[in-house]
Amino acid sequence: MGADLEKLKAKFQPIFDEIAKKTLFHEQQRILPYDEIQLLKDSGFTAIRVPEKFGGAGVSLPQLFELLTLLAEADSNIVQALRGHFAF
């Protein structure tokens, strides 16, 4: 079950694309992705596992992993930084 994954992909892919534009520069300059994580927070990405009735997207674990895979294609460091958030 879970949320409408295609809608979520359409919502978040432009954000992932924006993040991807800066990934190489951040790696080369050793810049931490604070702004990108804030962008994800502001977009609601960090609440996607929260049930819809509480303001989240209500995604299932398989859906979460698919979205995290898309985010990792943009910047794997951000997924690593968020693993504790989604684990708890």
C-alpha atoms as a PDB file:
ATOM      1  CA  MET A   1       0.000   0.000   0.000  1.00  0.00           C
ATOM      2  CA  GLY A   2       1.432   3.400   0.905  1.00  0.00           C
ATOM      3  CA  ALA A   3       1.364   6.741  -0.810  1.00  0.00           C
ATOM      4  CA  ASP A   4       1.194   7.471  -4.534  1.00  0.00           C
ATOM      5  CA  LEU A   5       4.847   6.904  -5.400  1.00  0.00           C
ATOM      6  CA  GLU A   6       4.649   8.423  -8.872  1.00  0.00           C
ATOM      7  CA  LYS A   7       3.271  11.673  -7.458  1.00  0.00           C
ATOM      8  CA  LEU A   8       6.040  11.768  -4.877  1.00  0.00           C
ATOM      9  CA  LYS A   9       8.689  11.117  -7.518  1.00  0.00           C
ATOM     10  CA  ALA A  10       7.282  13.978  -9.601  1.00  0.00           C
ATOM     11  CA  LYS A  11       7.306  16.250  -6.561  1.00  0.00           C
ATOM     12  CA  PHE A  12      10.816  15.466  -5.363  1.00  0.00           C
ATOM     13  CA  GLN A  13      12.728  14.804  -8.612  1.00  0.00           C
ATOM     14  CA  PRO A  14      13.152  18.528  -9.394  1.00  0.00           C
ATOM     15  CA  ILE A  15      14.614  18.985  -5.905  1.00  0.00           C
ATOM     16  CA  PHE A  16      16.948  16.029  -6.414  1.00  0.00           C
ATOM     17  CA  ASP A  17      17.984  17.501  -9.774  1.00  0.00           C
ATOM     18  CA  GLU A  18      18.772  20.831  -8.113  1.00  0.00           C
ATOM     19  CA  ILE A  19      20.837  19.060  -5.460  1.00  0.00           C
ATOM     20  CA  ALA A  20      22.736  17.124  -8.134  1.00  0.00           C
ATOM     21  CA  LYS A  21      23.898  20.367  -9.765  1.00  0.00           C
ATOM     22  CA  LYS A  22      26.003  21.211  -6.696  1.00  0.00           C
ATOM     23  CA  THR A  23      27.238  17.773  -5.647  1.00  0.00           C
ATOM     24  CA  LEU A  24      30.574  17.788  -7.448  1.00  0.00           C
ATOM     25  CA  PHE A  25      31.389  21.327  -6.294  1.00  0.00           C
ATOM     26  CA  HIS A  26      30.559  20.401  -2.694  1.00  0.00           C
ATOM     27  CA  GLU A  27      32.786  17.332  -2.925  1.00  0.00           C
ATOM     28  CA  GLN A  28      35.674  19.271  -4.398  1.00  0.00           C
ATOM     29  CA  GLN A  29      35.390  22.147  -1.916  1.00  0.00           C
ATOM     30  CA  ARG A  30      34.494  19.952   1.080  1.00  0.00           C
ATOM     31  CA  ILE A  31      31.253  21.843   1.692  1.00  0.00           C
ATOM     32  CA  LEU A  32      28.638  20.137   3.843  1.00  0.00           C
ATOM     33  CA  PRO A  33      25.126  20.046   2.324  1.00  0.00           C
ATOM     34  CA  TYR A  34      23.316  22.080   4.984  1.00  0.00           C
ATOM     35  CA  ASP A  35      21.313  24.069   2.436  1.00  0.00           C
ATOM     36  CA  GLU A  36      20.309  20.962   0.526  1.00  0.00           C
ATOM     37  CA  ILE A  37      19.112  19.199   3.666  1.00  0.00           C
ATOM     38  CA  GLN A  38      17.137  22.315   4.595  1.00  0.00           C
ATOM     39  CA  LEU A  39      15.601  22.256   1.112  1.00  0.00           C
ATOM     40  CA  LEU A  40      14.551  18.644   1.676  1.00  0.00           C
ATOM     41  CA  LYS A  41      13.090  19.553   5.077  1.00  0.00           C
ATOM     42  CA  ASP A  42      11.183  22.512   3.617  1.00  0.00           C
ATOM     43  CA  SER A  43       9.777  20.330   0.828  1.00  0.00           C
ATOM     44  CA  GLY A  44       8.422  17.768   3.295  1.00  0.00           C
ATOM     45  CA  PHE A  45      10.826  15.020   2.229  1.00  0.00           C
ATOM     46  CA  THR A  46      12.002  14.362   5.770  1.00  0.00           C
ATOM     47  CA  ALA A  47       8.391  13.689   6.822  1.00  0.00           C
ATOM     48  CA  ILE A  48       7.500  11.218   4.087  1.00  0.00           C
ATOM     49  CA  ARG A  49       7.292   8.276   6.517  1.00  0.00           C
ATOM     50  CA  VAL A  50       4.909  10.156   8.813  1.00  0.00           C
ATOM     51  CA  PRO A  51       1.291   9.018   8.330  1.00  0.00           C
ATOM     52  CA  GLU A  52      -0.817  11.349   6.196  1.00  0.00           C
ATOM     53  CA  LYS A  53      -3.200  12.062   9.060  1.00  0.00           C
ATOM     54  CA  PHE A  54      -0.255  13.630  10.922  1.00  0.00           C
ATOM     55  CA  GLY A  55       0.970  15.696   7.975  1.00  0.00           C
ATOM     56  CA  GLY A  56       3.388  13.333   6.251  1.00  0.00           C
ATOM     57  CA  ALA A  57       3.169  11.359   3.035  1.00  0.00           C
ATOM     58  CA  GLY A  58       2.699   7.932   4.634  1.00  0.00           C
ATOM     59  CA  VAL A  59       5.166   6.118   2.392  1.00  0.00           C
ATOM     60  CA  SER A  60       5.942   2.462   2.923  1.00  0.00           C
ATOM     61  CA  LEU A  61       9.502   1.256   3.492  1.00  0.00           C
ATOM     62  CA  PRO A  62       9.898   0.028  -0.112  1.00  0.00           C
ATOM     63  CA  GLN A  63       8.693   3.426  -1.345  1.00  0.00           C
ATOM     64  CA  LEU A  64      11.097   5.198   1.006  1.00  0.00           C
ATOM     65  CA  PHE A  65      13.990   3.123  -0.317  1.00  0.00           C
ATOM     66  CA  GLU A  66      13.050   3.920  -3.896  1.00  0.00           C
ATOM     67  CA  LEU A  67      12.958   7.650  -3.142  1.00  0.00           C
ATOM     68  CA  LEU A  68      16.239   7.448  -1.241  1.00  0.00           C
ATOM     69  CA  THR A  69      17.790   5.694  -4.227  1.00  0.00           C
ATOM     70  CA  LEU A  70      16.756   8.602  -6.446  1.00  0.00           C
ATOM     71  CA  LEU A  71      18.184  11.051  -3.934  1.00  0.00           C
ATOM     72  CA  ALA A  72      21.409   9.033  -3.736  1.00  0.00           C
ATOM     73  CA  GLU A  73      21.777   9.373  -7.504  1.00  0.00           C
ATOM     74  CA  ALA A  74      21.847  13.135  -6.902  1.00  0.00           C
ATOM     75  CA  ASP A  75      24.070  13.099  -3.799  1.00  0.00           C
ATOM     76  CA  SER A  76      24.806   9.947  -1.835  1.00  0.00           C
ATOM     77  CA  ASN A  77      26.254  11.949   1.051  1.00  0.00           C
ATOM     78  CA  ILE A  78      22.841  13.413   1.819  1.00  0.00           C
ATOM     79  CA  VAL A  79      21.253   9.971   2.034  1.00  0.00           C
ATOM     80  CA  GLN A  80      24.033   8.942   4.396  1.00  0.00           C
ATOM     81  CA  ALA A  81      23.410  12.044   6.512  1.00  0.00           C
ATOM     82  CA  LEU A  82      19.684  11.266   6.718  1.00  0.00           C
ATOM     83  CA  ARG A  83      19.976   7.565   7.565  1.00  0.00           C
ATOM     84  CA  GLY A  84      19.688   8.151  11.315  1.00  0.00           C
ATOM     85  CA  HIS A  85      16.661  10.361  10.761  1.00  0.00           C
ATOM     86  CA  PHE A  86      14.777   7.668   8.852  1.00  0.00           C
ATOM     87  CA  ALA A  87      15.996   4.859  11.118  1.00  0.00           C
ATOM     88  CA  PHE A  88      14.281   6.379  14.115  1.00  0.00           C
END
